[in-house]
PDB file of N, CA and C in Angstrom:
ATOM      1  N   MET A   1      -7.175  -5.753  12.315  1.00  0.00           N
ATOM      2  CA  MET A   1      -7.880  -4.524  12.012  1.00  0.00           C
ATOM      3  C   MET A   1      -8.532  -4.648  10.634  1.00  0.00           C
ATOM      4  N   LYS A   2      -9.720  -4.090  10.527  1.00  0.00           N
ATOM      5  CA  LYS A   2     -10.462  -4.174   9.271  1.00  0.00           C
ATOM      6  C   LYS A   2      -9.810  -3.329   8.188  1.00  0.00           C
ATOM      7  N   ASN A   3      -9.998  -3.770   6.946  1.00  0.00           N
ATOM      8  CA  ASN A   3      -9.503  -2.946   5.849  1.00  0.00           C
ATOM      9  C   ASN A   3     -10.573  -1.924   5.473  1.00  0.00           C
ATOM     10  N   LEU A   4     -10.191  -0.928   4.711  1.00  0.00           N
ATOM     11  CA  LEU A   4     -11.088   0.174   4.370  1.00  0.00           C
ATOM     12  C   LEU A   4     -12.334  -0.313   3.649  1.00  0.00           C
ATOM     13  N   GLN A   5     -12.179  -1.277   2.763  1.00  0.00           N
ATOM     14  CA  GLN A   5     -13.328  -1.782   2.009  1.00  0.00           C
ATOM     15  C   GLN A   5     -14.382  -2.392   2.943  1.00  0.00           C
ATOM     16  N   SER A   6     -13.958  -3.149   3.941  1.00  0.00           N
ATOM     17  CA  SER A   6     -14.933  -3.755   4.852  1.00  0.00           C
ATOM     18  C   SER A   6     -15.585  -2.697   5.748  1.00  0.00           C
ATOM     19  N   ILE A   7     -14.849  -1.654   6.101  1.00  0.00           N
ATOM     20  CA  ILE A   7     -15.414  -0.562   6.892  1.00  0.00           C
ATOM     21  C   ILE A   7     -16.483   0.161   6.078  1.00  0.00           C
ATOM     22  N   LEU A   8     -16.179   0.444   4.810  1.00  0.00           N
ATOM     23  CA  LEU A   8     -17.143   1.117   3.945  1.00  0.00           C
ATOM     24  C   LEU A   8     -18.388   0.258   3.729  1.00  0.00           C
ATOM     25  N   LYS A   9     -18.198  -1.045   3.605  1.00  0.00           N
ATOM     26  CA  LYS A   9     -19.333  -1.958   3.448  1.00  0.00           C
ATOM     27  C   LYS A   9     -20.223  -1.908   4.695  1.00  0.00           C
ATOM     28  N   GLU A  10     -19.601  -1.922   5.863  1.00  0.00           N
ATOM     29  CA  GLU A  10     -20.362  -1.883   7.102  1.00  0.00           C
ATOM     30  C   GLU A  10     -21.087  -0.544   7.266  1.00  0.00           C
ATOM     31  N   ILE A  11     -20.446   0.554   6.867  1.00  0.00           N
ATOM     32  CA  ILE A  11     -21.097   1.867   6.900  1.00  0.00           C
ATOM     33  C   ILE A  11     -22.325   1.855   5.998  1.00  0.00           C
ATOM     34  N   SER A  12     -22.184   1.297   4.817  1.00  0.00           N
ATOM     35  CA  SER A  12     -23.299   1.215   3.884  1.00  0.00           C
ATOM     36  C   SER A  12     -24.444   0.387   4.462  1.00  0.00           C
ATOM     37  N   GLU A  13     -24.125  -0.722   5.082  1.00  0.00           N
ATOM     38  CA  GLU A  13     -25.147  -1.602   5.647  1.00  0.00           C
ATOM     39  C   GLU A  13     -25.892  -0.925   6.800  1.00  0.00           C
ATOM     40  N   ILE A  14     -25.165  -0.292   7.694  1.00  0.00           N
ATOM     41  CA  ILE A  14     -25.826   0.343   8.842  1.00  0.00           C
ATOM     42  C   ILE A  14     -26.628   1.562   8.397  1.00  0.00           C
ATOM     43  N   THR A  15     -26.131   2.288   7.400  1.00  0.00           N
ATOM     44  CA  THR A  15     -26.866   3.435   6.880  1.00  0.00           C
ATOM     45  C   THR A  15     -28.160   2.977   6.210  1.00  0.00           C
ATOM     46  N   THR A  16     -28.097   1.896   5.460  1.00  0.00           N
ATOM     47  CA  THR A  16     -29.294   1.340   4.819  1.00  0.00           C
ATOM     48  C   THR A  16     -30.292   0.859   5.874  1.00  0.00           C
ATOM     49  N   ASP A  17     -29.797   0.220   6.916  1.00  0.00           N
ATOM     50  CA  ASP A  17     -30.658  -0.237   8.006  1.00  0.00           C
ATOM     51  C   ASP A  17     -31.364   0.948   8.666  1.00  0.00           C
ATOM     52  N   ILE A  18     -30.614   2.004   8.938  1.00  0.00           N
ATOM     53  CA  ILE A  18     -31.201   3.194   9.555  1.00  0.00           C
ATOM     54  C   ILE A  18     -32.231   3.822   8.615  1.00  0.00           C
ATOM     55  N   GLU A  19     -31.897   3.924   7.341  1.00  0.00           N
ATOM     56  CA  GLU A  19     -32.812   4.525   6.362  1.00  0.00           C
ATOM     57  C   GLU A  19     -34.108   3.731   6.260  1.00  0.00           C
ATOM     58  N   THR A  20     -33.994   2.420   6.257  1.00  0.00           N
ATOM     59  CA  THR A  20     -35.157   1.551   6.079  1.00  0.00           C
ATOM     60  C   THR A  20     -36.011   1.441   7.342  1.00  0.00           C
ATOM     61  N   ASN A  21     -35.353   1.240   8.476  1.00  0.00           N
ATOM     62  CA  ASN A  21     -36.080   0.921   9.703  1.00  0.00           C
ATOM     63  C   ASN A  21     -36.272   2.094  10.657  1.00  0.00           C
ATOM     64  N   TYR A  22     -35.495   3.132  10.500  1.00  0.00           N
ATOM     65  CA  TYR A  22     -35.557   4.275  11.412  1.00  0.00           C
ATOM     66  C   TYR A  22     -35.487   5.587  10.618  1.00  0.00           C
ATOM     67  N   PRO A  23     -36.497   5.858   9.770  1.00  0.00           N
ATOM     68  CA  PRO A  23     -36.435   7.049   8.915  1.00  0.00           C
ATOM     69  C   PRO A  23     -36.316   8.347   9.702  1.00  0.00           C
ATOM     70  N   GLU A  24     -36.896   8.391  10.897  1.00  0.00           N
ATOM     71  CA  GLU A  24     -36.783   9.596  11.716  1.00  0.00           C
ATOM     72  C   GLU A  24     -35.333   9.839  12.133  1.00  0.00           C
ATOM     73  N   LEU A  25     -34.584   8.800  12.319  1.00  0.00           N
ATOM     74  CA  LEU A  25     -33.166   8.917  12.657  1.00  0.00           C
ATOM     75  C   LEU A  25     -32.340   9.220  11.417  1.00  0.00           C
ATOM     76  N   TYR A  26     -32.716   8.633  10.305  1.00  0.00           N
ATOM     77  CA  TYR A  26     -31.979   8.851   9.056  1.00  0.00           C
ATOM     78  C   TYR A  26     -31.955  10.323   8.663  1.00  0.00           C
ATOM     79  N   ARG A  27     -33.075  11.016   8.895  1.00  0.00           N
ATOM     80  CA  ARG A  27     -33.132  12.451   8.572  1.00  0.00           C
ATOM     81  C   ARG A  27     -32.091  13.240   9.353  1.00  0.00           C
ATOM     82  N   SER A  28     -31.731  12.780  10.523  1.00  0.00           N
ATOM     83  CA  SER A  28     -30.764  13.522  11.340  1.00  0.00           C
ATOM     84  C   SER A  28     -29.314  13.237  10.967  1.00  0.00           C
ATOM     85  N   LEU A  29     -29.073  12.267  10.112  1.00  0.00           N
ATOM     86  CA  LEU A  29     -27.694  11.956   9.737  1.00  0.00           C
ATOM     87  C   LEU A  29     -27.013  13.129   9.057  1.00  0.00           C
ATOM     88  N   ASP A  30     -27.745  13.920   8.286  1.00  0.00           N
ATOM     89  CA  ASP A  30     -27.162  15.087   7.624  1.00  0.00           C
ATOM     90  C   ASP A  30     -26.679  16.115   8.632  1.00  0.00           C
ATOM     91  N   GLU A  31     -27.234  16.092   9.840  1.00  0.00           N
ATOM     92  CA  GLU A  31     -26.853  17.053  10.873  1.00  0.00           C
ATOM     93  C   GLU A  31     -25.743  16.519  11.767  1.00  0.00           C
ATOM     94  N   ASN A  32     -25.377  15.275  11.569  1.00  0.00           N
ATOM     95  CA  ASN A  32     -24.323  14.673  12.378  1.00  0.00           C
ATOM     96  C   ASN A  32     -23.001  15.368  12.080  1.00  0.00           C
ATOM     97  N   PRO A  33     -22.300  15.889  13.100  1.00  0.00           N
ATOM     98  CA  PRO A  33     -21.034  16.593  12.871  1.00  0.00           C
ATOM     99  C   PRO A  33     -19.990  15.748  12.139  1.00  0.00           C
ATOM    100  N   MET A  34     -20.078  14.438  12.226  1.00  0.00           N
ATOM    101  CA  MET A  34     -19.106  13.575  11.551  1.00  0.00           C
ATOM    102  C   MET A  34     -19.227  13.675  10.032  1.00  0.00           C
ATOM    103  N   THR A  35     -20.382  14.112   9.542  1.00  0.00           N
ATOM    104  CA  THR A  35     -20.574  14.161   8.096  1.00  0.00           C
ATOM    105  C   THR A  35     -20.227  15.519   7.495  1.00  0.00           C
ATOM    106  N   ILE A  36     -19.912  16.479   8.344  1.00  0.00           N
ATOM    107  CA  ILE A  36     -19.603  17.819   7.868  1.00  0.00           C
ATOM    108  C   ILE A  36     -18.103  17.958   7.677  1.00  0.00           C
ATOM    109  N   ALA A  37     -17.704  18.229   6.465  1.00  0.00           N
ATOM    110  CA  ALA A  37     -16.275  18.396   6.180  1.00  0.00           C
ATOM    111  C   ALA A  37     -15.789  19.732   6.734  1.00  0.00           C
ATOM    112  N   THR A  38     -14.566  19.742   7.240  1.00  0.00           N
ATOM    113  CA  THR A  38     -14.003  20.972   7.783  1.00  0.00           C
ATOM    114  C   THR A  38     -13.144  21.694   6.767  1.00  0.00           C
ATOM    115  N   SER A  39     -12.981  21.111   5.602  1.00  0.00           N
ATOM    116  CA  SER A  39     -12.222  21.761   4.540  1.00  0.00           C
ATOM    117  C   SER A  39     -12.850  21.416   3.196  1.00  0.00           C
ATOM    118  N   ASN A  40     -12.429  22.104   2.167  1.00  0.00           N
ATOM    119  CA  ASN A  40     -12.997  21.857   0.838  1.00  0.00           C
ATOM    120  C   ASN A  40     -12.624  20.476   0.303  1.00  0.00           C
ATOM    121  N   HIS A  41     -11.442  19.990   0.647  1.00  0.00           N
ATOM    122  CA  HIS A  41     -10.970  18.687   0.174  1.00  0.00           C
ATOM    123  C   HIS A  41     -10.476  17.872   1.365  1.00  0.00           C
ATOM    124  N   PRO A  42     -11.415  17.384   2.183  1.00  0.00           N
ATOM    125  CA  PRO A  42     -10.988  16.644   3.373  1.00  0.00           C
ATOM    126  C   PRO A  42     -10.316  15.329   2.998  1.00  0.00           C
ATOM    127  N   HIS A  43      -9.308  14.972   3.770  1.00  0.00           N
ATOM    128  CA  HIS A  43      -8.613  13.709   3.569  1.00  0.00           C
ATOM    129  C   HIS A  43      -9.396  12.635   4.312  1.00  0.00           C
ATOM    130  N   VAL A  44      -9.926  11.676   3.584  1.00  0.00           N
ATOM    131  CA  VAL A  44     -10.704  10.607   4.193  1.00  0.00           C
ATOM    132  C   VAL A  44      -9.836   9.365   4.199  1.00  0.00           C
ATOM    133  N   ASP A  45      -9.541   8.890   5.389  1.00  0.00           N
ATOM    134  CA  ASP A  45      -8.716   7.704   5.502  1.00  0.00           C
ATOM    135  C   ASP A  45      -9.420   6.643   6.337  1.00  0.00           C
ATOM    136  N   LYS A  46      -8.748   5.565   6.550  1.00  0.00           N
ATOM    137  CA  LYS A  46      -9.296   4.430   7.276  1.00  0.00           C
ATOM    138  C   LYS A  46      -9.714   4.820   8.695  1.00  0.00           C
ATOM    139  N   VAL A  47      -8.899   5.620   9.354  1.00  0.00           N
ATOM    140  CA  VAL A  47      -9.197   6.033  10.726  1.00  0.00           C
ATOM    141  C   VAL A  47     -10.475   6.871  10.760  1.00  0.00           C
ATOM    142  N   ALA A  48     -10.599   7.817   9.841  1.00  0.00           N
ATOM    143  CA  ALA A  48     -11.788   8.671   9.788  1.00  0.00           C
ATOM    144  C   ALA A  48     -13.044   7.843   9.513  1.00  0.00           C
ATOM    145  N   MET A  49     -12.942   6.880   8.615  1.00  0.00           N
ATOM    146  CA  MET A  49     -14.096   6.042   8.288  1.00  0.00           C
ATOM    147  C   MET A  49     -14.471   5.150   9.466  1.00  0.00           C
ATOM    148  N   LYS A  50     -13.471   4.643  10.171  1.00  0.00           N
ATOM    149  CA  LYS A  50     -13.732   3.812  11.360  1.00  0.00           C
ATOM    150  C   LYS A  50     -14.439   4.642  12.433  1.00  0.00           C
ATOM    151  N   GLU A  51     -13.989   5.883  12.619  1.00  0.00           N
ATOM    152  CA  GLU A  51     -14.626   6.770  13.595  1.00  0.00           C
ATOM    153  C   GLU A  51     -16.069   7.065  13.181  1.00  0.00           C
ATOM    154  N   TYR A  52     -16.291   7.283  11.898  1.00  0.00           N
ATOM    155  CA  TYR A  52     -17.646   7.537  11.416  1.00  0.00           C
ATOM    156  C   TYR A  52     -18.531   6.313  11.632  1.00  0.00           C
ATOM    157  N   LEU A  53     -18.008   5.126  11.350  1.00  0.00           N
ATOM    158  CA  LEU A  53     -18.759   3.898  11.579  1.00  0.00           C
ATOM    159  C   LEU A  53     -19.145   3.776  13.045  1.00  0.00           C
ATOM    160  N   GLU A  54     -18.208   4.028  13.927  1.00  0.00           N
ATOM    161  CA  GLU A  54     -18.497   3.941  15.364  1.00  0.00           C
ATOM    162  C   GLU A  54     -19.545   4.976  15.773  1.00  0.00           C
ATOM    163  N   SER A  55     -19.500   6.163  15.173  1.00  0.00           N
ATOM    164  CA  SER A  55     -20.495   7.184  15.503  1.00  0.00           C
ATOM    165  C   SER A  55     -21.888   6.752  15.033  1.00  0.00           C
ATOM    166  N   LEU A  56     -21.972   6.088  13.881  1.00  0.00           N
ATOM    167  CA  LEU A  56     -23.258   5.568  13.408  1.00  0.00           C
ATOM    168  C   LEU A  56     -23.792   4.499  14.358  1.00  0.00           C
ATOM    169  N   LYS A  57     -22.923   3.626  14.792  1.00  0.00           N
ATOM    170  CA  LYS A  57     -23.334   2.571  15.733  1.00  0.00           C
ATOM    171  C   LYS A  57     -23.837   3.166  17.040  1.00  0.00           C
ATOM    172  N   GLU A  58     -23.139   4.169  17.547  1.00  0.00           N
ATOM    173  CA  GLU A  58     -23.551   4.821  18.796  1.00  0.00           C
ATOM    174  C   GLU A  58     -24.879   5.547  18.625  1.00  0.00           C
ATOM    175  N   LEU A  59     -25.034   6.223  17.504  1.00  0.00           N
ATOM    176  CA  LEU A  59     -26.274   6.937  17.219  1.00  0.00           C
ATOM    177  C   LEU A  59     -27.447   5.969  17.222  1.00  0.00           C
ATOM    178  N   LEU A  60     -27.300   4.842  16.543  1.00  0.00           N
ATOM    179  CA  LEU A  60     -28.367   3.841  16.506  1.00  0.00           C
ATOM    180  C   LEU A  60     -28.599   3.243  17.875  1.00  0.00           C
ATOM    181  N   LYS A  61     -27.552   2.940  18.590  1.00  0.00           N
ATOM    182  CA  LYS A  61     -27.669   2.361  19.932  1.00  0.00           C
ATOM    183  C   LYS A  61     -28.451   3.287  20.859  1.00  0.00           C
ATOM    184  N   HIS A  62     -28.127   4.566  20.837  1.00  0.00           N
ATOM    185  CA  HIS A  62     -28.821   5.529  21.698  1.00  0.00           C
ATOM    186  C   HIS A  62     -30.273   5.737  21.263  1.00  0.00           C
ATOM    187  N   HIS A  63     -30.518   5.622  19.984  1.00  0.00           N
ATOM    188  CA  HIS A  63     -31.879   5.772  19.465  1.00  0.00           C
ATOM    189  C   HIS A  63     -32.769   4.612  19.927  1.00  0.00           C
ATOM    190  N   LEU A  64     -32.183   3.424  19.920  1.00  0.00           N
ATOM    191  CA  LEU A  64     -32.961   2.243  20.314  1.00  0.00           C
ATOM    192  C   LEU A  64     -33.203   2.245  21.807  1.00  0.00           C
TER     193      LEU A  64
END
């Protein structure tokens, strides 16, 4: 299983790819439910970041 640092690196890379190559999709990332916190101080852990990474991959896959 990946460590948190590698998950965050991959999130950064895919987000940069979307921003650079798919600006119309990048604008919708702010509306993605995965990015909306449900509390004032959400607990962000490895599982949550992995789920967010997978949601980014799915979003890009469906866009393409």
